[in-house]
Amino acid sequence: TVELLEAGYDVVIVDNLSNSERSVLGGIRKITGRTVPFHKVDCGNLAR
């Protein structure tokens, strides 16, 4: 995500946070200066 942002892309993140922390978004923001849209979604849930 950091490398995509620094290359000029827009990024949207989905993650169910089963093996990660929401605080990572703050780290991404500190490095890039950009806030990334985040959705807590399990990719196994087709409707969401």
All heavy atoms as atom14 arrays in JSON, in Angstrom:
{
  "sequence": "TVELLEAGYDVVIVDNLSNSERSVLGGIRKITGRTVPFHKVDCGNLAR",
  "atom14_mask": [
    [1, 1, 1, 1, 1, 1, 1, 0, 0, 0, 0, 0, 0, 0],
    [1, 1, 1, 1, 1, 1, 1, 0, 0, 0, 0, 0, 0, 0],
    [1, 1, 1, 1, 1, 1, 1, 1, 1, 0, 0, 0, 0, 0],
    [1, 1, 1, 1, 1, 1, 1, 1, 0, 0, 0, 0, 0, 0],
    [1, 1, 1, 1, 1, 1, 1, 1, 0, 0, 0, 0, 0, 0],
    [1, 1, 1, 1, 1, 1, 1, 1, 1, 0, 0, 0, 0, 0],
    [1, 1, 1, 1, 1, 0, 0, 0, 0, 0, 0, 0, 0, 0],
    [1, 1, 1, 1, 0, 0, 0, 0, 0, 0, 0, 0, 0, 0],
    [1, 1, 1, 1, 1, 1, 1, 1, 1, 1, 1, 1, 0, 0],
    [1, 1, 1, 1, 1, 1, 1, 1, 0, 0, 0, 0, 0, 0],
    [1, 1, 1, 1, 1, 1, 1, 0, 0, 0, 0, 0, 0, 0],
    [1, 1, 1, 1, 1, 1, 1, 0, 0, 0, 0, 0, 0, 0],
    [1, 1, 1, 1, 1, 1, 1, 1, 0, 0, 0, 0, 0, 0],
    [1, 1, 1, 1, 1, 1, 1, 0, 0, 0, 0, 0, 0, 0],
    [1, 1, 1, 1, 1, 1, 1, 1, 0, 0, 0, 0, 0, 0],
    [1, 1, 1, 1, 1, 1, 1, 1, 0, 0, 0, 0, 0, 0],
    [1, 1, 1, 1, 1, 1, 1, 1, 0, 0, 0, 0, 0, 0],
    [1, 1, 1, 1, 1, 1, 0, 0, 0, 0, 0, 0, 0, 0],
    [1, 1, 1, 1, 1, 1, 1, 1, 0, 0, 0, 0, 0, 0],
    [1, 1, 1, 1, 1, 1, 0, 0, 0, 0, 0, 0, 0, 0],
    [1, 1, 1, 1, 1, 1, 1, 1, 1, 0, 0, 0, 0, 0],
    [1, 1, 1, 1, 1, 1, 1, 1, 1, 1, 1, 0, 0, 0],
    [1, 1, 1, 1, 1, 1, 0, 0, 0, 0, 0, 0, 0, 0],
    [1, 1, 1, 1, 1, 1, 1, 0, 0, 0, 0, 0, 0, 0],
    [1, 1, 1, 1, 1, 1, 1, 1, 0, 0, 0, 0, 0, 0],
    [1, 1, 1, 1, 0, 0, 0, 0, 0, 0, 0, 0, 0, 0],
    [1, 1, 1, 1, 0, 0, 0, 0, 0, 0, 0, 0, 0, 0],
    [1, 1, 1, 1, 1, 1, 1, 1, 0, 0, 0, 0, 0, 0],
    [1, 1, 1, 1, 1, 1, 1, 1, 1, 1, 1, 0, 0, 0],
    [1, 1, 1, 1, 1, 1, 1, 1, 1, 0, 0, 0, 0, 0],
    [1, 1, 1, 1, 1, 1, 1, 1, 0, 0, 0, 0, 0, 0],
    [1, 1, 1, 1, 1, 1, 1, 0, 0, 0, 0, 0, 0, 0],
    [1, 1, 1, 1, 0, 0, 0, 0, 0, 0, 0, 0, 0, 0],
    [1, 1, 1, 1, 1, 1, 1, 1, 1, 1, 1, 0, 0, 0],
    [1, 1, 1, 1, 1, 1, 1, 0, 0, 0, 0, 0, 0, 0],
    [1, 1, 1, 1, 1, 1, 1, 0, 0, 0, 0, 0, 0, 0],
    [1, 1, 1, 1, 1, 1, 1, 0, 0, 0, 0, 0, 0, 0],
    [1, 1, 1, 1, 1, 1, 1, 1, 1, 1, 1, 0, 0, 0],
    [1, 1, 1, 1, 1, 1, 1, 1, 1, 1, 0, 0, 0, 0],
    [1, 1, 1, 1, 1, 1, 1, 1, 1, 0, 0, 0, 0, 0],
    [1, 1, 1, 1, 1, 1, 1, 0, 0, 0, 0, 0, 0, 0],
    [1, 1, 1, 1, 1, 1, 1, 1, 0, 0, 0, 0, 0, 0],
    [1, 1, 1, 1, 1, 1, 0, 0, 0, 0, 0, 0, 0, 0],
    [1, 1, 1, 1, 0, 0, 0, 0, 0, 0, 0, 0, 0, 0],
    [1, 1, 1, 1, 1, 1, 1, 1, 0, 0, 0, 0, 0, 0],
    [1, 1, 1, 1, 1, 1, 1, 1, 0, 0, 0, 0, 0, 0],
    [1, 1, 1, 1, 1, 0, 0, 0, 0, 0, 0, 0, 0, 0],
    [1, 1, 1, 1, 1, 1, 1, 1, 1, 1, 1, 0, 0, 0]
  ],
  "atom14_positions": [
    [[0.83, -1.21, 0.0], [0.0, 0.0, 0.0], [0.86, 1.25, 0.0], [0.62, 2.2, -0.76], [-0.95, -0.01, 1.21], [-1.86, -1.11, 1.08], [-1.73, 1.29, 1.32], [0.0, 0.0, 0.0], [0.0, 0.0, 0.0], [0.0, 0.0, 0.0], [0.0, 0.0, 0.0], [0.0, 0.0, 0.0], [0.0, 0.0, 0.0], [0.0, 0.0, 0.0]],
    [[1.88, 1.28, 0.84], [2.8, 2.43, 0.89], [3.45, 2.66, -0.47], [3.5, 3.79, -0.97], [3.87, 2.22, 1.99], [5.03, 3.21, 1.82], [3.26, 2.36, 3.37], [0.0, 0.0, 0.0], [0.0, 0.0, 0.0], [0.0, 0.0, 0.0], [0.0, 0.0, 0.0], [0.0, 0.0, 0.0], [0.0, 0.0, 0.0], [0.0, 0.0, 0.0]],
    [[3.96, 1.58, -1.08], [4.64, 1.73, -2.37], [3.67, 2.15, -3.46], [4.04, 2.94, -4.35], [5.35, 0.42, -2.75], [6.44, -0.01, -1.77], [7.54, 1.02, -1.59], [7.9, 1.7, -2.59], [8.03, 1.18, -0.45], [0.0, 0.0, 0.0], [0.0, 0.0, 0.0], [0.0, 0.0, 0.0], [0.0, 0.0, 0.0], [0.0, 0.0, 0.0]],
    [[2.44, 1.67, -3.43], [1.43, 2.1, -4.41], [1.13, 3.59, -4.26], [1.08, 4.33, -5.26], [0.14, 1.3, -4.23], [0.13, -0.15, -4.72], [-1.08, -0.88, -4.16], [0.12, -0.22, -6.25], [0.0, 0.0, 0.0], [0.0, 0.0, 0.0], [0.0, 0.0, 0.0], [0.0, 0.0, 0.0], [0.0, 0.0, 0.0], [0.0, 0.0, 0.0]],
    [[0.93, 4.03, -3.03], [0.65, 5.45, -2.79], [1.81, 6.32, -3.25], [1.6, 7.37, -3.88], [0.37, 5.68, -1.29], [-0.91, 5.05, -0.73], [-0.92, 5.15, 0.78], [-2.15, 5.72, -1.33], [0.0, 0.0, 0.0], [0.0, 0.0, 0.0], [0.0, 0.0, 0.0], [0.0, 0.0, 0.0], [0.0, 0.0, 0.0], [0.0, 0.0, 0.0]],
    [[3.02, 5.89, -2.96], [4.18, 6.68, -3.35], [4.4, 6.66, -4.86], [5.07, 7.55, -5.4], [5.41, 6.2, -2.58], [5.27, 6.5, -1.08], [6.52, 6.21, -0.26], [7.38, 5.44, -0.73], [6.62, 6.78, 0.85], [0.0, 0.0, 0.0], [0.0, 0.0, 0.0], [0.0, 0.0, 0.0], [0.0, 0.0, 0.0], [0.0, 0.0, 0.0]],
    [[3.82, 5.67, -5.55], [3.91, 5.62, -7.01], [2.75, 6.38, -7.67], [2.67, 6.42, -8.9], [3.91, 4.16, -7.47], [0.0, 0.0, 0.0], [0.0, 0.0, 0.0], [0.0, 0.0, 0.0], [0.0, 0.0, 0.0], [0.0, 0.0, 0.0], [0.0, 0.0, 0.0], [0.0, 0.0, 0.0], [0.0, 0.0, 0.0], [0.0, 0.0, 0.0]],
    [[1.86, 6.96, -6.86], [0.79, 7.79, -7.41], [-0.56, 7.14, -7.56], [-1.49, 7.73, -8.13], [0.0, 0.0, 0.0], [0.0, 0.0, 0.0], [0.0, 0.0, 0.0], [0.0, 0.0, 0.0], [0.0, 0.0, 0.0], [0.0, 0.0, 0.0], [0.0, 0.0, 0.0], [0.0, 0.0, 0.0], [0.0, 0.0, 0.0], [0.0, 0.0, 0.0]],
    [[-0.72, 5.91, -7.06], [-2.02, 5.22, -7.14], [-2.91, 5.64, -5.97], [-2.42, 6.01, -4.9], [-1.84, 3.7, -7.1], [-1.19, 3.12, -8.34], [0.19, 2.94, -8.4], [-1.96, 2.75, -9.44], [0.8, 2.4, -9.53], [-1.36, 2.21, -10.58], [0.02, 2.05, -10.62], [0.61, 1.53, -11.75], [0.0, 0.0, 0.0], [0.0, 0.0, 0.0]],
    [[-4.23, 5.53, -6.17], [-5.17, 5.57, -5.07], [-5.37, 4.12, -4.59], [-5.36, 3.19, -5.41], [-6.52, 6.15, -5.49], [-6.46, 7.66, -5.66], [-5.55, 8.29, -5.1], [-7.32, 8.2, -6.39], [0.0, 0.0, 0.0], [0.0, 0.0, 0.0], [0.0, 0.0, 0.0], [0.0, 0.0, 0.0], [0.0, 0.0, 0.0], [0.0, 0.0, 0.0]],
    [[-5.57, 3.94, -3.3], [-5.7, 2.59, -2.73], [-6.91, 2.53, -1.82], [-7.2, 3.48, -1.07], [-4.43, 2.2, -1.93], [-4.6, 0.83, -1.27], [-3.19, 2.2, -2.83], [0.0, 0.0, 0.0], [0.0, 0.0, 0.0], [0.0, 0.0, 0.0], [0.0, 0.0, 0.0], [0.0, 0.0, 0.0], [0.0, 0.0, 0.0], [0.0, 0.0, 0.0]],
    [[-7.63, 1.42, -1.88], [-8.68, 1.08, -0.91], [-8.29, -0.25, -0.29], [-7.89, -1.18, -1.0], [-10.06, 0.96, -1.59], [-11.11, 0.48, -0.59], [-10.47, 2.29, -2.21], [0.0, 0.0, 0.0], [0.0, 0.0, 0.0], [0.0, 0.0, 0.0], [0.0, 0.0, 0.0], [0.0, 0.0, 0.0], [0.0, 0.0, 0.0], [0.0, 0.0, 0.0]],
    [[-8.37, -0.34, 1.03], [-7.99, -1.56, 1.74], [-9.23, -2.26, 2.28], [-10.12, -1.62, 2.87], [-7.04, -1.24, 2.92], [-5.67, -0.8, 2.41], [-6.9, -2.46, 3.85], [-4.73, -0.34, 3.53], [0.0, 0.0, 0.0], [0.0, 0.0, 0.0], [0.0, 0.0, 0.0], [0.0, 0.0, 0.0], [0.0, 0.0, 0.0], [0.0, 0.0, 0.0]],
    [[-9.29, -3.59, 2.09], [-10.22, -4.41, 2.86], [-9.4, -5.44, 3.63], [-8.42, -5.98, 3.12], [-11.29, -5.12, 1.99], [-12.13, -4.12, 1.23], [-10.68, -6.12, 1.05], [0.0, 0.0, 0.0], [0.0, 0.0, 0.0], [0.0, 0.0, 0.0], [0.0, 0.0, 0.0], [0.0, 0.0, 0.0], [0.0, 0.0, 0.0], [0.0, 0.0, 0.0]],
    [[-9.79, -5.69, 4.85], [-9.1, -6.65, 5.71], [-10.06, -7.02, 6.83], [-10.78, -6.16, 7.33], [-7.82, -6.03, 6.29], [-6.8, -7.07, 6.74], [-7.17, -7.92, 7.59], [-5.65, -7.03, 6.28], [0.0, 0.0, 0.0], [0.0, 0.0, 0.0], [0.0, 0.0, 0.0], [0.0, 0.0, 0.0], [0.0, 0.0, 0.0], [0.0, 0.0, 0.0]],
    [[-10.05, -8.29, 7.24], [-10.92, -8.68, 8.36], [-10.21, -8.57, 9.71], [-10.79, -8.9, 10.75], [-11.48, -10.1, 8.16], [-10.4, -11.17, 8.21], [-9.23, -10.91, 8.44], [-10.82, -12.42, 7.99], [0.0, 0.0, 0.0], [0.0, 0.0, 0.0], [0.0, 0.0, 0.0], [0.0, 0.0, 0.0], [0.0, 0.0, 0.0], [0.0, 0.0, 0.0]],
    [[-8.95, -8.13, 9.69], [-8.14, -7.92, 10.9], [-7.95, -9.2, 11.71], [-7.71, -9.15, 12.92], [-8.76, -6.82, 11.79], [-8.9, -5.43, 11.13], [-9.56, -4.45, 12.09], [-7.56, -4.88, 10.66], [0.0, 0.0, 0.0], [0.0, 0.0, 0.0], [0.0, 0.0, 0.0], [0.0, 0.0, 0.0], [0.0, 0.0, 0.0], [0.0, 0.0, 0.0]],
    [[-8.02, -10.35, 11.04], [-7.81, -11.62, 11.75], [-6.35, -11.83, 12.11], [-6.04, -12.55, 13.06], [-8.31, -12.79, 10.91], [-7.57, -12.88, 9.71], [0.0, 0.0, 0.0], [0.0, 0.0, 0.0], [0.0, 0.0, 0.0], [0.0, 0.0, 0.0], [0.0, 0.0, 0.0], [0.0, 0.0, 0.0], [0.0, 0.0, 0.0], [0.0, 0.0, 0.0]],
    [[-5.45, -11.21, 11.35], [-4.02, -11.37, 11.64], [-3.29, -10.04, 11.46], [-2.14, -10.01, 11.03], [-3.41, -12.44, 10.74], [-2.05, -12.9, 11.24], [-1.82, -12.99, 12.44], [-1.13, -13.16, 10.33], [0.0, 0.0, 0.0], [0.0, 0.0, 0.0], [0.0, 0.0, 0.0], [0.0, 0.0, 0.0], [0.0, 0.0, 0.0], [0.0, 0.0, 0.0]],
    [[-3.99, -8.94, 11.77], [-3.37, -7.62, 11.65], [-4.1, -6.66, 12.58], [-5.1, -7.02, 13.19], [-3.44, -7.12, 10.2], [-4.78, -7.0, 9.78], [0.0, 0.0, 0.0], [0.0, 0.0, 0.0], [0.0, 0.0, 0.0], [0.0, 0.0, 0.0], [0.0, 0.0, 0.0], [0.0, 0.0, 0.0], [0.0, 0.0, 0.0], [0.0, 0.0, 0.0]],
    [[-3.58, -5.45, 12.66], [-4.15, -4.45, 13.58], [-4.57, -3.21, 12.8], [-3.89, -2.79, 11.85], [-3.1, -4.05, 14.63], [-2.54, -5.2, 15.45], [-3.53, -5.74, 16.47], [-4.54, -5.05, 16.74], [-3.3, -6.85, 16.99], [0.0, 0.0, 0.0], [0.0, 0.0, 0.0], [0.0, 0.0, 0.0], [0.0, 0.0, 0.0], [0.0, 0.0, 0.0]],
    [[-5.64, -2.58, 13.23], [-6.12, -1.35, 12.61], [-5.07, -0.23, 12.73], [-5.01, 0.68, 11.89], [-7.43, -0.91, 13.26], [-8.19, 0.14, 12.5], [-9.45, 0.54, 13.26], [-10.45, -0.5, 13.27], [-11.47, -0.57, 12.42], [-11.6, 0.34, 11.48], [-12.35, -1.55, 12.5], [0.0, 0.0, 0.0], [0.0, 0.0, 0.0], [0.0, 0.0, 0.0]],
    [[-4.22, -0.3, 13.75], [-3.2, 0.73, 13.97], [-2.22, 0.85, 12.81], [-1.55, 1.88, 12.65], [-2.43, 0.43, 15.26], [-1.77, -0.82, 15.16], [0.0, 0.0, 0.0], [0.0, 0.0, 0.0], [0.0, 0.0, 0.0], [0.0, 0.0, 0.0], [0.0, 0.0, 0.0], [0.0, 0.0, 0.0], [0.0, 0.0, 0.0], [0.0, 0.0, 0.0]],
    [[-2.13, -0.21, 11.99], [-1.25, -0.18, 10.82], [-1.62, 0.98, 9.89], [-0.76, 1.58, 9.24], [-1.31, -1.52, 10.06], [-0.6, -1.46, 8.72], [-0.72, -2.64, 10.93], [0.0, 0.0, 0.0], [0.0, 0.0, 0.0], [0.0, 0.0, 0.0], [0.0, 0.0, 0.0], [0.0, 0.0, 0.0], [0.0, 0.0, 0.0], [0.0, 0.0, 0.0]],
    [[-2.9, 1.33, 9.84], [-3.35, 2.44, 9.0], [-2.67, 3.74, 9.42], [-2.36, 4.59, 8.56], [-4.87, 2.58, 9.09], [-5.67, 1.37, 8.58], [-7.13, 1.49, 9.01], [-5.57, 1.26, 7.07], [0.0, 0.0, 0.0], [0.0, 0.0, 0.0], [0.0, 0.0, 0.0], [0.0, 0.0, 0.0], [0.0, 0.0, 0.0], [0.0, 0.0, 0.0]],
    [[-2.42, 3.89, 10.71], [-1.71, 5.09, 11.2], [-0.27, 5.11, 10.73], [0.27, 6.17, 10.38], [0.0, 0.0, 0.0], [0.0, 0.0, 0.0], [0.0, 0.0, 0.0], [0.0, 0.0, 0.0], [0.0, 0.0, 0.0], [0.0, 0.0, 0.0], [0.0, 0.0, 0.0], [0.0, 0.0, 0.0], [0.0, 0.0, 0.0], [0.0, 0.0, 0.0]],
    [[0.36, 3.93, 10.71], [1.73, 3.85, 10.2], [1.81, 4.21, 8.73], [2.72, 4.94, 8.29], [0.0, 0.0, 0.0], [0.0, 0.0, 0.0], [0.0, 0.0, 0.0], [0.0, 0.0, 0.0], [0.0, 0.0, 0.0], [0.0, 0.0, 0.0], [0.0, 0.0, 0.0], [0.0, 0.0, 0.0], [0.0, 0.0, 0.0], [0.0, 0.0, 0.0]],
    [[0.84, 3.72, 7.95], [0.79, 4.05, 6.52], [0.62, 5.56, 6.34], [1.29, 6.19, 5.51], [-0.36, 3.29, 5.83], [-0.07, 1.78, 5.81], [-0.59, 3.81, 4.41], [-1.25, 0.93, 5.37], [0.0, 0.0, 0.0], [0.0, 0.0, 0.0], [0.0, 0.0, 0.0], [0.0, 0.0, 0.0], [0.0, 0.0, 0.0], [0.0, 0.0, 0.0]],
    [[-0.24, 6.17, 7.17], [-0.49, 7.61, 7.08], [0.76, 8.41, 7.45], [1.09, 9.41, 6.81], [-1.66, 8.0, 8.0], [-2.1, 9.45, 7.85], [-3.42, 9.7, 8.59], [-3.33, 9.35, 10.0], [-3.97, 8.32, 10.55], [-4.73, 7.53, 9.82], [-3.84, 8.07, 11.84], [0.0, 0.0, 0.0], [0.0, 0.0, 0.0], [0.0, 0.0, 0.0]],
    [[1.5, 7.96, 8.47], [2.73, 8.67, 8.87], [3.77, 8.64, 7.77], [4.5, 9.62, 7.56], [3.3, 8.04, 10.15], [2.56, 8.44, 11.41], [3.25, 7.86, 12.64], [2.5, 8.26, 13.9], [3.11, 7.65, 15.11], [0.0, 0.0, 0.0], [0.0, 0.0, 0.0], [0.0, 0.0, 0.0], [0.0, 0.0, 0.0], [0.0, 0.0, 0.0]],
    [[3.89, 7.52, 7.08], [4.9, 7.39, 6.02], [4.53, 8.19, 4.79], [5.36, 8.88, 4.2], [5.1, 5.9, 5.64], [5.66, 5.11, 6.82], [6.04, 5.77, 4.44], [5.59, 3.59, 6.62], [0.0, 0.0, 0.0], [0.0, 0.0, 0.0], [0.0, 0.0, 0.0], [0.0, 0.0, 0.0], [0.0, 0.0, 0.0], [0.0, 0.0, 0.0]],
    [[3.26, 8.11, 4.39], [2.85, 8.67, 3.09], [2.14, 10.01, 3.18], [2.02, 10.72, 2.17], [1.9, 7.7, 2.36], [0.68, 7.57, 3.13], [2.55, 6.33, 2.19], [0.0, 0.0, 0.0], [0.0, 0.0, 0.0], [0.0, 0.0, 0.0], [0.0, 0.0, 0.0], [0.0, 0.0, 0.0], [0.0, 0.0, 0.0], [0.0, 0.0, 0.0]],
    [[1.63, 10.34, 4.38], [0.84, 11.56, 4.51], [-0.56, 11.44, 3.94], [-1.27, 12.43, 3.8], [0.0, 0.0, 0.0], [0.0, 0.0, 0.0], [0.0, 0.0, 0.0], [0.0, 0.0, 0.0], [0.0, 0.0, 0.0], [0.0, 0.0, 0.0], [0.0, 0.0, 0.0], [0.0, 0.0, 0.0], [0.0, 0.0, 0.0], [0.0, 0.0, 0.0]],
    [[-0.98, 10.2, 3.64], [-2.3, 9.99, 3.04], [-3.12, 9.02, 3.89], [-2.59, 8.06, 4.44], [-2.16, 9.45, 1.61], [-1.53, 10.45, 0.66], [-1.33, 9.87, -0.72], [-2.61, 9.52, -1.37], [-2.68, 8.97, -2.58], [-1.58, 8.72, -3.27], [-3.86, 8.68, -3.1], [0.0, 0.0, 0.0], [0.0, 0.0, 0.0], [0.0, 0.0, 0.0]],
    [[-4.41, 9.31, 3.98], [-5.35, 8.43, 4.68], [-6.02, 7.52, 3.66], [-6.6, 7.98, 2.69], [-6.41, 9.25, 5.43], [-5.75, 10.09, 6.39], [-7.39, 8.34, 6.15], [0.0, 0.0, 0.0], [0.0, 0.0, 0.0], [0.0, 0.0, 0.0], [0.0, 0.0, 0.0], [0.0, 0.0, 0.0], [0.0, 0.0, 0.0], [0.0, 0.0, 0.0]],
    [[-5.92, 6.22, 3.9], [-6.44, 5.23, 2.95], [-7.82, 4.77, 3.4], [-7.99, 4.38, 4.56], [-5.47, 4.02, 2.86], [-6.02, 2.97, 1.89], [-4.09, 4.47, 2.42], [0.0, 0.0, 0.0], [0.0, 0.0, 0.0], [0.0, 0.0, 0.0], [0.0, 0.0, 0.0], [0.0, 0.0, 0.0], [0.0, 0.0, 0.0], [0.0, 0.0, 0.0]],
    [[-8.81, 4.78, 2.5], [-10.12, 4.21, 2.86], [-9.96, 2.75, 3.28], [-9.31, 1.97, 2.6], [-10.93, 4.33, 1.57], [-10.26, 5.41, 0.77], [-8.8, 5.32, 1.13], [0.0, 0.0, 0.0], [0.0, 0.0, 0.0], [0.0, 0.0, 0.0], [0.0, 0.0, 0.0], [0.0, 0.0, 0.0], [0.0, 0.0, 0.0], [0.0, 0.0, 0.0]],
    [[-10.58, 2.41, 4.42], [-10.46, 1.06, 4.97], [-11.84, 0.49, 5.25], [-12.71, 1.17, 5.8], [-9.64, 1.08, 6.26], [-9.7, -0.22, 7.02], [-8.96, -1.32, 6.61], [-10.52, -0.37, 8.14], [-9.02, -2.53, 7.29], [-10.58, -1.56, 8.83], [-9.83, -2.65, 8.4], [0.0, 0.0, 0.0], [0.0, 0.0, 0.0], [0.0, 0.0, 0.0]],
    [[-12.04, -0.78, 4.88], [-13.29, -1.47, 5.16], [-12.97, -2.8, 5.83], [-12.22, -3.61, 5.28], [-14.08, -1.72, 3.87], [-14.45, -0.45, 3.16], [-15.62, 0.24, 3.43], [-13.78, 0.29, 2.23], [-15.66, 1.33, 2.68], [-14.57, 1.38, 1.94], [0.0, 0.0, 0.0], [0.0, 0.0, 0.0], [0.0, 0.0, 0.0], [0.0, 0.0, 0.0]],
    [[-13.53, -2.98, 7.03], [-13.34, -4.25, 7.72], [-14.3, -5.27, 7.11], [-15.49, -5.32, 7.45], [-13.59, -4.12, 9.22], [-13.24, -5.4, 9.97], [-13.51, -5.31, 11.47], [-13.2, -6.65, 12.13], [-13.55, -6.65, 13.56], [0.0, 0.0, 0.0], [0.0, 0.0, 0.0], [0.0, 0.0, 0.0], [0.0, 0.0, 0.0], [0.0, 0.0, 0.0]],
    [[-13.75, -6.07, 6.19], [-14.55, -7.03, 5.44], [-13.76, -8.32, 5.3], [-12.56, -8.3, 5.02], [-14.89, -6.47, 4.03], [-15.53, -7.53, 3.15], [-15.8, -5.25, 4.14], [0.0, 0.0, 0.0], [0.0, 0.0, 0.0], [0.0, 0.0, 0.0], [0.0, 0.0, 0.0], [0.0, 0.0, 0.0], [0.0, 0.0, 0.0], [0.0, 0.0, 0.0]],
    [[-14.43, -9.43, 5.48], [-13.84, -10.74, 5.2], [-14.12, -11.07, 3.74], [-15.28, -11.02, 3.3], [-14.47, -11.79, 6.12], [-13.76, -13.12, 6.05], [-13.49, -13.6, 4.93], [-13.5, -13.72, 7.12], [0.0, 0.0, 0.0], [0.0, 0.0, 0.0], [0.0, 0.0, 0.0], [0.0, 0.0, 0.0], [0.0, 0.0, 0.0], [0.0, 0.0, 0.0]],
    [[-13.09, -11.38, 2.99], [-13.28, -11.65, 1.56], [-14.08, -12.92, 1.3], [-14.52, -13.17, 0.17], [-11.92, -11.75, 0.85], [-11.08, -10.17, 0.75], [0.0, 0.0, 0.0], [0.0, 0.0, 0.0], [0.0, 0.0, 0.0], [0.0, 0.0, 0.0], [0.0, 0.0, 0.0], [0.0, 0.0, 0.0], [0.0, 0.0, 0.0], [0.0, 0.0, 0.0]],
    [[-14.31, -13.71, 2.34], [-15.19, -14.86, 2.21], [-16.66, -14.49, 2.25], [-17.53, -15.31, 1.95], [0.0, 0.0, 0.0], [0.0, 0.0, 0.0], [0.0, 0.0, 0.0], [0.0, 0.0, 0.0], [0.0, 0.0, 0.0], [0.0, 0.0, 0.0], [0.0, 0.0, 0.0], [0.0, 0.0, 0.0], [0.0, 0.0, 0.0], [0.0, 0.0, 0.0]],
    [[-16.95, -13.22, 2.59], [-18.33, -12.73, 2.67], [-18.65, -11.99, 1.38], [-18.33, -10.81, 1.22], [-18.48, -11.81, 3.88], [-19.93, -11.4, 4.13], [-20.69, -11.17, 3.19], [-20.3, -11.3, 5.39], [0.0, 0.0, 0.0], [0.0, 0.0, 0.0], [0.0, 0.0, 0.0], [0.0, 0.0, 0.0], [0.0, 0.0, 0.0], [0.0, 0.0, 0.0]],
    [[-19.27, -12.69, 0.44], [-19.51, -12.14, -0.9], [-20.37, -10.88, -0.85], [-20.08, -9.9, -1.55], [-20.16, -13.2, -1.78], [-20.42, -12.81, -3.24], [-19.12, -12.51, -3.97], [-21.2, -13.91, -3.96], [0.0, 0.0, 0.0], [0.0, 0.0, 0.0], [0.0, 0.0, 0.0], [0.0, 0.0, 0.0], [0.0, 0.0, 0.0], [0.0, 0.0, 0.0]],
    [[-21.4, -10.87, -0.04], [-22.33, -9.74, -0.02], [-21.63, -8.46, 0.46], [-21.8, -7.39, -0.12], [-23.52, -10.06, 0.88], [0.0, 0.0, 0.0], [0.0, 0.0, 0.0], [0.0, 0.0, 0.0], [0.0, 0.0, 0.0], [0.0, 0.0, 0.0], [0.0, 0.0, 0.0], [0.0, 0.0, 0.0], [0.0, 0.0, 0.0], [0.0, 0.0, 0.0]],
    [[-20.85, -8.59, 1.53], [-20.16, -7.4, 2.06], [-19.05, -6.94, 1.12], [-18.82, -5.75, 0.94], [-19.59, -7.7, 3.45], [-20.66, -7.9, 4.51], [-20.11, -7.78, 5.9], [-19.57, -6.45, 6.13], [-18.66, -6.16, 7.08], [-18.19, -7.12, 7.86], [-18.24, -4.94, 7.25], [0.0, 0.0, 0.0], [0.0, 0.0, 0.0], [0.0, 0.0, 0.0]]
  ]
}
